[in-house]
Amino acid sequence: MGFVAGSIRDTLVQELSNDIGNSKSTRVIIPLCHIYLEHMMTLLLEKKYDESDKFLADTNNSFKKKLEKLNELGLLSDDEYNDLDLINQTRNDFVHTFKPDLEVVQERIFQLKHHVFNEKTNPVKAILYDIIELMLFLEQKIMN
């Protein structure tokens, strides 16, 4: 996982790192990462979807709707779709439930396709790795 200086992902990962700062709270980290992934999904829609202006003008188009549109357009692999959907479900657990079932969340995190860790790894480390990998894949699609 390398960074290209000045690339979209490099800039966003630096901003993400600054936003996370010293936070160790999953309740902060997961929703914050979700915001950055959604931003990159929006950039991809703007680049690859002719009707993106109309689609994105609808404020009801959530992360999930953007994910579905990218999938419908054939812009995501099955693994990318899977991981983005699982990250969205995990984010929803932390935003909509004050005390989410952490066992379910951890099981879901280890269903992500892009990390190289086993179940003994800190799940926050695994999901952050996966999110950065997804940012790389999305950036590559934006740039092509």
Protein backbone atom coordinates (compact mmCIF):
# COMPACT_ATOMS: atom_id res chain seq x y z
CA MET A 1 0.00 0.00 0.00
CA GLY A 2 1.94 3.01 -1.27
CA PHE A 3 1.08 6.66 -1.38
CA VAL A 4 1.64 8.87 -4.39
CA ALA A 5 2.56 12.33 -3.16
CA GLY A 6 -0.12 14.86 -4.05
CA SER A 7 -2.64 12.25 -5.17
CA ILE A 8 -6.28 12.49 -4.14
CA ARG A 9 -5.87 9.60 -1.73
CA ASP A 10 -2.63 10.96 -0.30
CA THR A 11 -4.26 14.30 0.45
CA LEU A 12 -7.40 12.71 1.88
CA VAL A 13 -5.48 10.19 3.98
CA GLN A 14 -3.44 13.04 5.46
CA GLU A 15 -6.65 14.93 6.26
CA LEU A 16 -8.19 11.77 7.69
CA SER A 17 -5.13 11.22 9.87
CA ASN A 18 -5.38 14.77 11.15
CA ASP A 19 -9.10 14.36 11.84
CA ILE A 20 -8.62 11.11 13.74
CA GLY A 21 -5.64 12.53 15.62
CA ASN A 22 -5.15 10.62 18.81
CA SER A 23 -8.68 9.26 18.99
CA LYS A 24 -8.87 5.61 19.92
CA SER A 25 -12.66 5.59 19.94
CA THR A 26 -14.25 3.38 17.32
CA ARG A 27 -17.33 5.58 17.68
CA VAL A 28 -15.26 8.44 16.21
CA ILE A 29 -13.05 6.55 13.77
CA ILE A 30 -15.66 4.52 11.87
CA PRO A 31 -18.09 7.38 11.05
CA LEU A 32 -15.21 9.68 10.15
CA CYS A 33 -13.73 7.15 7.72
CA HIS A 34 -17.21 6.63 6.29
CA ILE A 35 -17.35 10.36 5.42
CA TYR A 36 -14.08 10.12 3.48
CA LEU A 37 -15.17 7.00 1.59
CA GLU A 38 -18.46 8.66 0.67
CA HIS A 39 -16.56 11.70 -0.59
CA MET A 40 -14.47 9.47 -2.86
CA MET A 41 -17.60 7.68 -4.06
CA THR A 42 -19.07 11.09 -4.93
CA LEU A 43 -15.91 12.01 -6.87
CA LEU A 44 -16.15 8.75 -8.79
CA LEU A 45 -19.80 9.37 -9.63
CA GLU A 46 -18.94 12.89 -10.82
CA LYS A 47 -16.21 11.50 -13.06
CA LYS A 48 -17.94 8.43 -14.50
CA TYR A 49 -21.70 9.07 -14.41
CA ASP A 50 -23.14 11.50 -16.98
CA GLU A 51 -26.20 12.19 -14.84
CA SER A 52 -24.22 12.71 -11.63
CA ASP A 53 -25.32 16.34 -11.21
CA LYS A 54 -28.96 15.32 -11.07
CA PHE A 55 -28.28 12.22 -8.96
CA LEU A 56 -26.08 14.04 -6.44
CA ALA A 57 -28.46 17.01 -6.20
CA ASP A 58 -30.94 14.69 -4.49
CA THR A 59 -30.04 15.06 -0.82
CA ASN A 60 -31.75 11.73 -0.10
CA ASN A 61 -28.97 9.91 -1.93
CA SER A 62 -27.18 8.34 1.01
CA PHE A 63 -23.95 6.36 1.11
CA LYS A 64 -26.00 3.23 0.36
CA LYS A 65 -27.71 4.79 -2.66
CA LYS A 66 -24.37 6.00 -4.01
CA LEU A 67 -22.95 2.53 -3.43
CA GLU A 68 -25.87 0.96 -5.30
CA LYS A 69 -25.47 3.42 -8.20
CA LEU A 70 -21.74 2.70 -8.49
CA ASN A 71 -22.50 -1.01 -8.48
CA GLU A 72 -25.28 -0.59 -11.06
CA LEU A 73 -22.83 1.30 -13.29
CA GLY A 74 -20.34 -1.60 -13.02
CA LEU A 75 -17.73 0.60 -11.34
CA LEU A 76 -17.10 -1.71 -8.36
CA SER A 77 -15.77 -5.23 -8.08
CA ASP A 78 -17.76 -7.67 -5.96
CA ASP A 79 -15.15 -7.37 -3.17
CA GLU A 80 -15.23 -3.56 -3.24
CA TYR A 81 -19.02 -3.57 -3.09
CA ASN A 82 -18.96 -6.11 -0.25
CA ASP A 83 -16.51 -4.10 1.83
CA LEU A 84 -18.16 -0.74 1.26
CA ASP A 85 -21.51 -2.25 2.21
CA LEU A 86 -20.06 -3.83 5.38
CA ILE A 87 -18.38 -0.56 6.34
CA ASN A 88 -21.70 1.23 5.85
CA GLN A 89 -23.49 -1.32 8.05
CA THR A 90 -20.79 -0.94 10.70
CA ARG A 91 -21.00 2.85 10.58
CA ASN A 92 -24.77 2.62 10.98
CA ASP A 93 -24.30 0.48 14.09
CA PHE A 94 -22.15 3.18 15.67
CA VAL A 95 -24.30 6.12 14.62
CA HIS A 96 -27.79 4.74 15.18
CA THR A 97 -27.22 2.54 18.22
CA PHE A 98 -25.71 3.96 21.38
CA LYS A 99 -24.28 0.60 22.45
CA PRO A 100 -23.91 -1.56 19.34
CA ASP A 101 -23.32 -5.28 19.64
CA LEU A 102 -19.53 -5.22 19.34
CA GLU A 103 -19.33 -8.96 18.76
CA VAL A 104 -21.50 -8.64 15.65
CA VAL A 105 -19.48 -5.63 14.52
CA GLN A 106 -16.20 -7.48 14.97
CA GLU A 107 -17.50 -10.52 13.06
CA ARG A 108 -18.55 -8.21 10.22
CA ILE A 109 -15.17 -6.47 10.14
CA PHE A 110 -13.42 -9.78 9.63
CA GLN A 111 -15.66 -10.44 6.62
CA LEU A 112 -13.97 -7.52 4.84
CA LYS A 113 -12.02 -8.71 1.80
CA HIS A 114 -9.13 -6.25 1.60
CA HIS A 115 -7.32 -6.62 4.90
CA VAL A 116 -4.63 -9.20 5.58
CA PHE A 117 -5.26 -9.72 9.27
CA ASN A 118 -6.69 -12.57 11.30
CA GLU A 119 -9.29 -12.52 14.08
CA LYS A 120 -6.63 -11.83 16.72
CA THR A 121 -5.95 -8.42 15.21
CA ASN A 122 -7.51 -5.29 16.64
CA PRO A 123 -10.68 -4.84 14.53
CA VAL A 124 -10.12 -1.08 14.28
CA LYS A 125 -6.71 -1.73 12.71
CA ALA A 126 -8.29 -4.16 10.25
CA ILE A 127 -11.09 -1.82 9.21
CA LEU A 128 -8.74 1.16 8.86
CA TYR A 129 -6.45 -0.88 6.62
CA ASP A 130 -9.43 -1.94 4.53
CA ILE A 131 -10.71 1.64 4.27
CA ILE A 132 -7.33 2.93 3.07
CA GLU A 133 -7.19 0.11 0.51
CA LEU A 134 -10.68 1.04 -0.69
CA MET A 135 -9.59 4.66 -0.97
CA LEU A 136 -6.74 3.47 -3.24
CA PHE A 137 -9.11 1.45 -5.44
CA LEU A 138 -11.57 4.34 -5.68
CA GLU A 139 -8.79 6.78 -6.52
CA GLN A 140 -7.53 4.51 -9.30
CA LYS A 141 -11.03 4.44 -10.77
CA ILE A 142 -11.32 8.24 -10.51
CA MET A 143 -7.97 8.75 -12.23
CA ASN A 144 -8.70 6.37 -15.14
